[in-house]
C-alpha atoms as a PDB file:
ATOM      1  CA  MET A   1     -14.181   1.050  -2.582  1.00  0.00           C
ATOM      2  CA  THR A   2     -15.124  -1.866  -3.804  1.00  0.00           C
ATOM      3  CA  ALA A   3     -17.192  -4.460  -2.622  1.00  0.00           C
ATOM      4  CA  ASP A   4     -15.128  -7.894  -3.681  1.00  0.00           C
ATOM      5  CA  ILE A   5     -14.690 -10.637  -1.787  1.00  0.00           C
ATOM      6  CA  LYS A   6     -11.554 -10.294   0.559  1.00  0.00           C
ATOM      7  CA  GLN A   7      -9.146 -12.915   1.109  1.00  0.00           C
ATOM      8  CA  ILE A   8      -7.475 -13.713   4.700  1.00  0.00           C
ATOM      9  CA  HIS A   9      -3.620 -14.650   4.292  1.00  0.00           C
ATOM     10  CA  ILE A  10      -1.315 -15.573   7.657  1.00  0.00           C
ATOM     11  CA  ALA A  11       2.383 -14.875   7.343  1.00  0.00           C
ATOM     12  CA  ASN A  12       4.356 -16.724  10.173  1.00  0.00           C
ATOM     13  CA  ASN A  13       7.668 -15.459   9.133  1.00  0.00           C
ATOM     14  CA  VAL A  14       8.715 -12.620   6.700  1.00  0.00           C
ATOM     15  CA  ALA A  15       9.488 -15.703   3.574  1.00  0.00           C
ATOM     16  CA  ASN A  16       5.387 -16.084   4.175  1.00  0.00           C
ATOM     17  CA  LEU A  17       5.126 -12.688   2.868  1.00  0.00           C
ATOM     18  CA  GLN A  18       6.603 -13.012  -0.534  1.00  0.00           C
ATOM     19  CA  LYS A  19       3.608 -15.572  -1.210  1.00  0.00           C
ATOM     20  CA  ILE A  20       1.211 -13.530   0.220  1.00  0.00           C
ATOM     21  CA  ALA A  21       2.773 -10.639  -2.560  1.00  0.00           C
ATOM     22  CA  GLN A  22       2.206 -13.010  -5.132  1.00  0.00           C
ATOM     23  CA  ALA A  23      -1.491 -13.738  -4.258  1.00  0.00           C
ATOM     24  CA  PHE A  24      -2.140  -9.837  -4.049  1.00  0.00           C
ATOM     25  CA  ALA A  25      -0.496  -9.590  -7.923  1.00  0.00           C
ATOM     26  CA  VAL A  26      -2.558 -12.189  -9.154  1.00  0.00           C
ATOM     27  CA  LYS A  27      -6.253 -10.696  -7.345  1.00  0.00           C
ATOM     28  CA  PHE A  28      -4.822  -7.071  -7.943  1.00  0.00           C
ATOM     29  CA  HIS A  29      -3.415  -7.341 -11.634  1.00  0.00           C
ATOM     30  CA  LYS A  30      -4.454  -3.814 -12.706  1.00  0.00           C
ATOM     31  CA  PRO A  31      -3.202  -0.834 -11.086  1.00  0.00           C
ATOM     32  CA  THR A  32      -5.535   0.809  -8.574  1.00  0.00           C
ATOM     33  CA  THR A  33      -5.410   2.491  -5.172  1.00  0.00           C
ATOM     34  CA  PHE A  34      -4.925   0.723  -1.492  1.00  0.00           C
ATOM     35  CA  VAL A  35      -5.571   2.113   1.879  1.00  0.00           C
ATOM     36  CA  VAL A  36      -3.159  -0.205   4.030  1.00  0.00           C
ATOM     37  CA  ASN A  37      -4.432   0.020   7.643  1.00  0.00           C
ATOM     38  CA  GLY A  38      -2.573  -1.513  10.200  1.00  0.00           C
ATOM     39  CA  LYS A  39      -0.876  -0.157  13.833  1.00  0.00           C
ATOM     40  CA  MET A  40       2.448   0.958  13.973  1.00  0.00           C
ATOM     41  CA  GLY A  41       5.049  -1.650  13.376  1.00  0.00           C
ATOM     42  CA  ALA A  42       2.074  -4.096  11.936  1.00  0.00           C
ATOM     43  CA  GLY A  43       4.222  -4.707   8.805  1.00  0.00           C
ATOM     44  CA  LYS A  44       2.685  -2.326   6.196  1.00  0.00           C
ATOM     45  CA  THR A  45       5.920  -1.094   4.583  1.00  0.00           C
ATOM     46  CA  THR A  46       7.454  -4.749   4.404  1.00  0.00           C
ATOM     47  CA  PHE A  47       4.113  -6.285   2.967  1.00  0.00           C
ATOM     48  CA  ILE A  48       3.856  -3.035   0.615  1.00  0.00           C
ATOM     49  CA  LYS A  49       7.952  -3.695  -0.463  1.00  0.00           C
ATOM     50  CA  LYS A  50       6.835  -7.791  -1.022  1.00  0.00           C
ATOM     51  CA  ILE A  51       4.560  -6.495  -3.424  1.00  0.00           C
ATOM     52  CA  CYS A  52       7.057  -4.351  -4.932  1.00  0.00           C
ATOM     53  CA  ALA A  53       9.280  -7.430  -5.374  1.00  0.00           C
ATOM     54  CA  GLU A  54       6.613  -9.189  -7.087  1.00  0.00           C
ATOM     55  CA  PHE A  55       6.344  -7.002  -9.869  1.00  0.00           C
ATOM     56  CA  GLY A  56      10.061  -6.369 -10.255  1.00  0.00           C
ATOM     57  CA  ILE A  57      11.307  -3.529  -8.208  1.00  0.00           C
ATOM     58  CA  THR A  58      13.697  -4.564  -5.475  1.00  0.00           C
ATOM     59  CA  GLU A  59      14.701  -1.088  -4.997  1.00  0.00           C
ATOM     60  CA  THR A  60      12.164   0.398  -1.890  1.00  0.00           C
ATOM     61  CA  ASN A  61      12.676   2.268   1.208  1.00  0.00           C
ATOM     62  CA  SER A  62       9.938   3.829   3.615  1.00  0.00           C
ATOM     63  CA  PRO A  63       8.243   7.053   2.217  1.00  0.00           C
ATOM     64  CA  THR A  64       8.176   8.343   5.844  1.00  0.00           C
ATOM     65  CA  PHE A  65       9.978  11.579   5.798  1.00  0.00           C
ATOM     66  CA  SER A  66       9.399  12.161   1.641  1.00  0.00           C
ATOM     67  CA  LEU A  67       6.017  11.274   1.996  1.00  0.00           C
ATOM     68  CA  VAL A  68       5.454   9.611  -1.487  1.00  0.00           C
ATOM     69  CA  ASN A  69       7.965   7.160  -2.907  1.00  0.00           C
ATOM     70  CA  GLU A  70       7.656   6.544  -6.846  1.00  0.00           C
ATOM     71  CA  TYR A  71       8.665   3.457  -8.457  1.00  0.00           C
ATOM     72  CA  GLU A  72       9.054   1.872 -11.760  1.00  0.00           C
ATOM     73  CA  ASN A  73      10.062  -1.706 -13.129  1.00  0.00           C
ATOM     74  CA  LYS A  74      11.266  -2.263 -16.811  1.00  0.00           C
ATOM     75  CA  ALA A  75       8.330  -2.728 -18.393  1.00  0.00           C
ATOM     76  CA  GLY A  76       7.162   0.485 -16.735  1.00  0.00           C
ATOM     77  CA  LEU A  77       4.361  -0.195 -14.396  1.00  0.00           C
ATOM     78  CA  ARG A  78       4.003   2.587 -11.737  1.00  0.00           C
ATOM     79  CA  ILE A  79       3.743   2.254  -8.036  1.00  0.00           C
ATOM     80  CA  LEU A  80       3.704   4.721  -5.688  1.00  0.00           C
ATOM     81  CA  HIS A  81       3.784   4.614  -1.655  1.00  0.00           C
ATOM     82  CA  PHE A  82       2.552   7.041   0.391  1.00  0.00           C
ATOM     83  CA  ASP A  83       3.100   7.583   3.676  1.00  0.00           C
ATOM     84  CA  LEU A  84       1.124  10.190   5.350  1.00  0.00           C
ATOM     85  CA  TYR A  85       1.811   9.554   9.036  1.00  0.00           C
ATOM     86  CA  ARG A  86       3.463  12.932   9.760  1.00  0.00           C
ATOM     87  CA  ILE A  87       0.665  14.955   7.974  1.00  0.00           C
ATOM     88  CA  GLU A  88      -1.889  17.246   9.925  1.00  0.00           C
ATOM     89  CA  SER A  89      -4.585  17.520   7.420  1.00  0.00           C
ATOM     90  CA  LEU A  90      -6.345  17.107   4.167  1.00  0.00           C
ATOM     91  CA  GLN A  91      -5.239  20.277   3.597  1.00  0.00           C
ATOM     92  CA  GLU A  92      -1.298  19.528   3.741  1.00  0.00           C
ATOM     93  CA  ALA A  93      -2.027  16.612   1.548  1.00  0.00           C
ATOM     94  CA  LEU A  94      -3.318  18.900  -0.989  1.00  0.00           C
ATOM     95  CA  ASP A  95      -0.740  21.368  -0.365  1.00  0.00           C
ATOM     96  CA  PHE A  96       1.773  18.640  -1.645  1.00  0.00           C
ATOM     97  CA  GLY A  97       0.052  18.156  -4.602  1.00  0.00           C
ATOM     98  CA  PHE A  98      -1.834  14.091  -2.866  1.00  0.00           C
ATOM     99  CA  GLU A  99      -4.855  14.770  -5.603  1.00  0.00           C
ATOM    100  CA  GLU A 100      -2.795  15.041  -8.825  1.00  0.00           C
ATOM    101  CA  TYR A 101      -0.968  11.682  -7.792  1.00  0.00           C
ATOM    102  CA  LEU A 102      -4.394   9.873  -7.345  1.00  0.00           C
ATOM    103  CA  ASP A 103      -4.993  10.622 -11.235  1.00  0.00           C
ATOM    104  CA  GLN A 104      -2.284   8.693 -12.477  1.00  0.00           C
ATOM    105  CA  VAL A 105      -2.152   5.068 -13.731  1.00  0.00           C
ATOM    106  CA  ALA A 106      -0.513   3.163 -11.104  1.00  0.00           C
ATOM    107  CA  TYR A 107      -0.652   1.076  -7.939  1.00  0.00           C
ATOM    108  CA  ILE A 108      -1.267   3.171  -4.990  1.00  0.00           C
ATOM    109  CA  PHE A 109      -0.598   2.061  -1.300  1.00  0.00           C
ATOM    110  CA  ILE A 110      -1.456   4.493   1.125  1.00  0.00           C
ATOM    111  CA  GLU A 111      -0.109   4.414   4.355  1.00  0.00           C
ATOM    112  CA  TRP A 112      -2.250   6.234   7.614  1.00  0.00           C
ATOM    113  CA  PRO A 113      -4.761   7.147   5.215  1.00  0.00           C
ATOM    114  CA  GLU A 114      -7.353   8.651   7.595  1.00  0.00           C
ATOM    115  CA  LYS A 115      -6.632  12.706   6.948  1.00  0.00           C
ATOM    116  CA  VAL A 116      -7.084  11.853   2.873  1.00  0.00           C
ATOM    117  CA  MET A 117     -10.097   9.516   2.931  1.00  0.00           C
ATOM    118  CA  ASP A 118     -12.480  12.011   2.495  1.00  0.00           C
ATOM    119  CA  ILE A 119     -11.087  12.766  -1.405  1.00  0.00           C
ATOM    120  CA  LEU A 120     -10.711   9.110  -2.104  1.00  0.00           C
ATOM    121  CA  GLU A 121     -13.339   7.604  -4.698  1.00  0.00           C
ATOM    122  CA  SER A 122     -12.144   4.375  -5.364  1.00  0.00           C
ATOM    123  CA  PHE A 123     -10.274   1.987  -3.339  1.00  0.00           C
ATOM    124  CA  HIS A 124      -9.422  -1.781  -2.130  1.00  0.00           C
ATOM    125  CA  SER A 125      -8.198  -2.115   1.804  1.00  0.00           C
ATOM    126  CA  ILE A 126      -5.370  -3.928   3.007  1.00  0.00           C
ATOM    127  CA  ASP A 127      -5.875  -4.338   6.114  1.00  0.00           C
ATOM    128  CA  ILE A 128      -2.430  -5.983   8.498  1.00  0.00           C
ATOM    129  CA  LYS A 129      -2.735  -7.018  12.209  1.00  0.00           C
ATOM    130  CA  ASP A 130      -0.279  -8.284  14.129  1.00  0.00           C
ATOM    131  CA  GLU A 131      -1.131 -11.403  16.502  1.00  0.00           C
ATOM    132  CA  MET A 132       1.426 -12.873  18.469  1.00  0.00           C
ATOM    133  CA  GLY A 133       3.561 -12.461  15.736  1.00  0.00           C
ATOM    134  CA  LYS A 134       1.584 -13.212  12.931  1.00  0.00           C
ATOM    135  CA  ARG A 135       0.508 -11.176  10.443  1.00  0.00           C
ATOM    136  CA  ILE A 136      -2.999 -11.415   9.506  1.00  0.00           C
ATOM    137  CA  ILE A 137      -3.372  -9.493   6.423  1.00  0.00           C
ATOM    138  CA  GLU A 138      -6.835  -9.420   4.575  1.00  0.00           C
ATOM    139  CA  PHE A 139      -7.268  -8.020   0.782  1.00  0.00           C
END
């Protein structure tokens, strides 16, 4: 994990999320790995969709059942979006080839990363909290 200064953003509504995604794209202008933390319904997938839109990818959906969705924009920038909520163990992640994905040059977003933390070498954290209808997003 890197030790840079984190930014805290507050979204009062979904429209604010795009502005926060713009700030994200400015801060992280090169592909890297992100663990995305937050309770069920906090807005993890929604925020990742806004980041994808910021990079020119508008056709997205939740990878809850597929475990990973792969996207590429017209310039060849790749985004990998993992939802590991359903996996039971690190071995299950290894069985579907999780480690090979980590070797790719892409923005890699991992929701529910707890089971794979032992094999992540370098990553940034995105923390999302829902406080009385407002989303607090820290990255």
